[in-house]
Amino acid sequence: MGAGPGLYLVNDYAAGGGTLLGMPALYAWAVGWCAVESGVIIAAYLTVWKSES
């Protein structure tokens, strides 16, 4: 696995006031993963969970 956004949460980057795109690192990381998970749910809804009628 390569370095990802979680890399900014180690070595006290977030605790030291580090930011990503102007947002606190921890907040940006959480919002990013919520967007990814929402995308997966929407994709599943549109493709997998179709009504059988």
C-alpha atoms as a PDB file:
ATOM      1  CA  MET A   1       0.000   0.000   0.000  1.00  0.00           C
ATOM      2  CA  GLY A   2       1.211   3.446  -0.817  1.00  0.00           C
ATOM      3  CA  ALA A   3       1.025   6.564   1.247  1.00  0.00           C
ATOM      4  CA  GLY A   4      -2.487   7.992   1.388  1.00  0.00           C
ATOM      5  CA  PRO A   5      -4.319  10.714   3.254  1.00  0.00           C
ATOM      6  CA  GLY A   6      -3.896   8.782   6.498  1.00  0.00           C
ATOM      7  CA  LEU A   7      -0.198   9.599   6.273  1.00  0.00           C
ATOM      8  CA  TYR A   8      -1.000  13.155   7.380  1.00  0.00           C
ATOM      9  CA  LEU A   9      -2.515  11.828  10.603  1.00  0.00           C
ATOM     10  CA  VAL A  10       0.734  10.273  11.824  1.00  0.00           C
ATOM     11  CA  ASN A  11       3.782  11.937  13.337  1.00  0.00           C
ATOM     12  CA  ASP A  12       1.660  14.617  15.040  1.00  0.00           C
ATOM     13  CA  TYR A  13       0.816  16.341  11.736  1.00  0.00           C
ATOM     14  CA  ALA A  14      -2.874  16.716  12.614  1.00  0.00           C
ATOM     15  CA  ALA A  15      -2.169  17.476  16.273  1.00  0.00           C
ATOM     16  CA  GLY A  16       0.285  20.176  15.225  1.00  0.00           C
ATOM     17  CA  GLY A  17      -2.413  22.045  13.311  1.00  0.00           C
ATOM     18  CA  GLY A  18      -1.688  20.562   9.879  1.00  0.00           C
ATOM     19  CA  THR A  19      -4.241  21.280   7.173  1.00  0.00           C
ATOM     20  CA  LEU A  20      -5.278  19.788   3.840  1.00  0.00           C
ATOM     21  CA  LEU A  21      -6.924  22.202   1.411  1.00  0.00           C
ATOM     22  CA  GLY A  22      -7.463  24.640   4.264  1.00  0.00           C
ATOM     23  CA  MET A  23      -9.302  22.127   6.482  1.00  0.00           C
ATOM     24  CA  PRO A  24      -7.875  20.412   9.555  1.00  0.00           C
ATOM     25  CA  ALA A  25      -6.241  17.154   8.439  1.00  0.00           C
ATOM     26  CA  LEU A  26      -8.431  14.859  10.522  1.00  0.00           C
ATOM     27  CA  TYR A  27     -11.624  16.572   9.326  1.00  0.00           C
ATOM     28  CA  ALA A  28     -10.526  16.445   5.672  1.00  0.00           C
ATOM     29  CA  TRP A  29      -9.650  12.756   6.005  1.00  0.00           C
ATOM     30  CA  ALA A  30     -13.047  11.922   7.549  1.00  0.00           C
ATOM     31  CA  VAL A  31     -14.997  13.927   4.968  1.00  0.00           C
ATOM     32  CA  GLY A  32     -13.047  12.273   2.153  1.00  0.00           C
ATOM     33  CA  TRP A  33     -13.839   8.776   3.360  1.00  0.00           C
ATOM     34  CA  CYS A  34     -17.514   9.659   3.894  1.00  0.00           C
ATOM     35  CA  ALA A  35     -17.606  10.754   0.246  1.00  0.00           C
ATOM     36  CA  VAL A  36     -16.010   7.478  -0.882  1.00  0.00           C
ATOM     37  CA  GLU A  37     -18.411   5.369   1.167  1.00  0.00           C
ATOM     38  CA  SER A  38     -21.405   7.390  -0.066  1.00  0.00           C
ATOM     39  CA  GLY A  39     -20.254   6.830  -3.640  1.00  0.00           C
ATOM     40  CA  VAL A  40     -20.093   3.080  -3.081  1.00  0.00           C
ATOM     41  CA  ILE A  41     -23.596   3.035  -1.601  1.00  0.00           C
ATOM     42  CA  ILE A  42     -25.016   5.102  -4.478  1.00  0.00           C
ATOM     43  CA  ALA A  43     -23.307   2.877  -7.053  1.00  0.00           C
ATOM     44  CA  ALA A  44     -24.720  -0.236  -5.359  1.00  0.00           C
ATOM     45  CA  TYR A  45     -28.184   1.315  -5.220  1.00  0.00           C
ATOM     46  CA  LEU A  46     -28.141   2.121  -8.923  1.00  0.00           C
ATOM     47  CA  THR A  47     -26.701  -1.213 -10.062  1.00  0.00           C
ATOM     48  CA  VAL A  48     -27.283  -3.981  -7.522  1.00  0.00           C
ATOM     49  CA  TRP A  49     -30.426  -3.112  -5.592  1.00  0.00           C
ATOM     50  CA  LYS A  50     -32.930  -3.032  -8.441  1.00  0.00           C
ATOM     51  CA  SER A  51     -36.554  -4.006  -7.945  1.00  0.00           C
ATOM     52  CA  GLU A  52     -37.569  -7.289  -9.517  1.00  0.00           C
ATOM     53  CA  SER A  53     -40.915  -6.078 -10.844  1.00  0.00           C
END
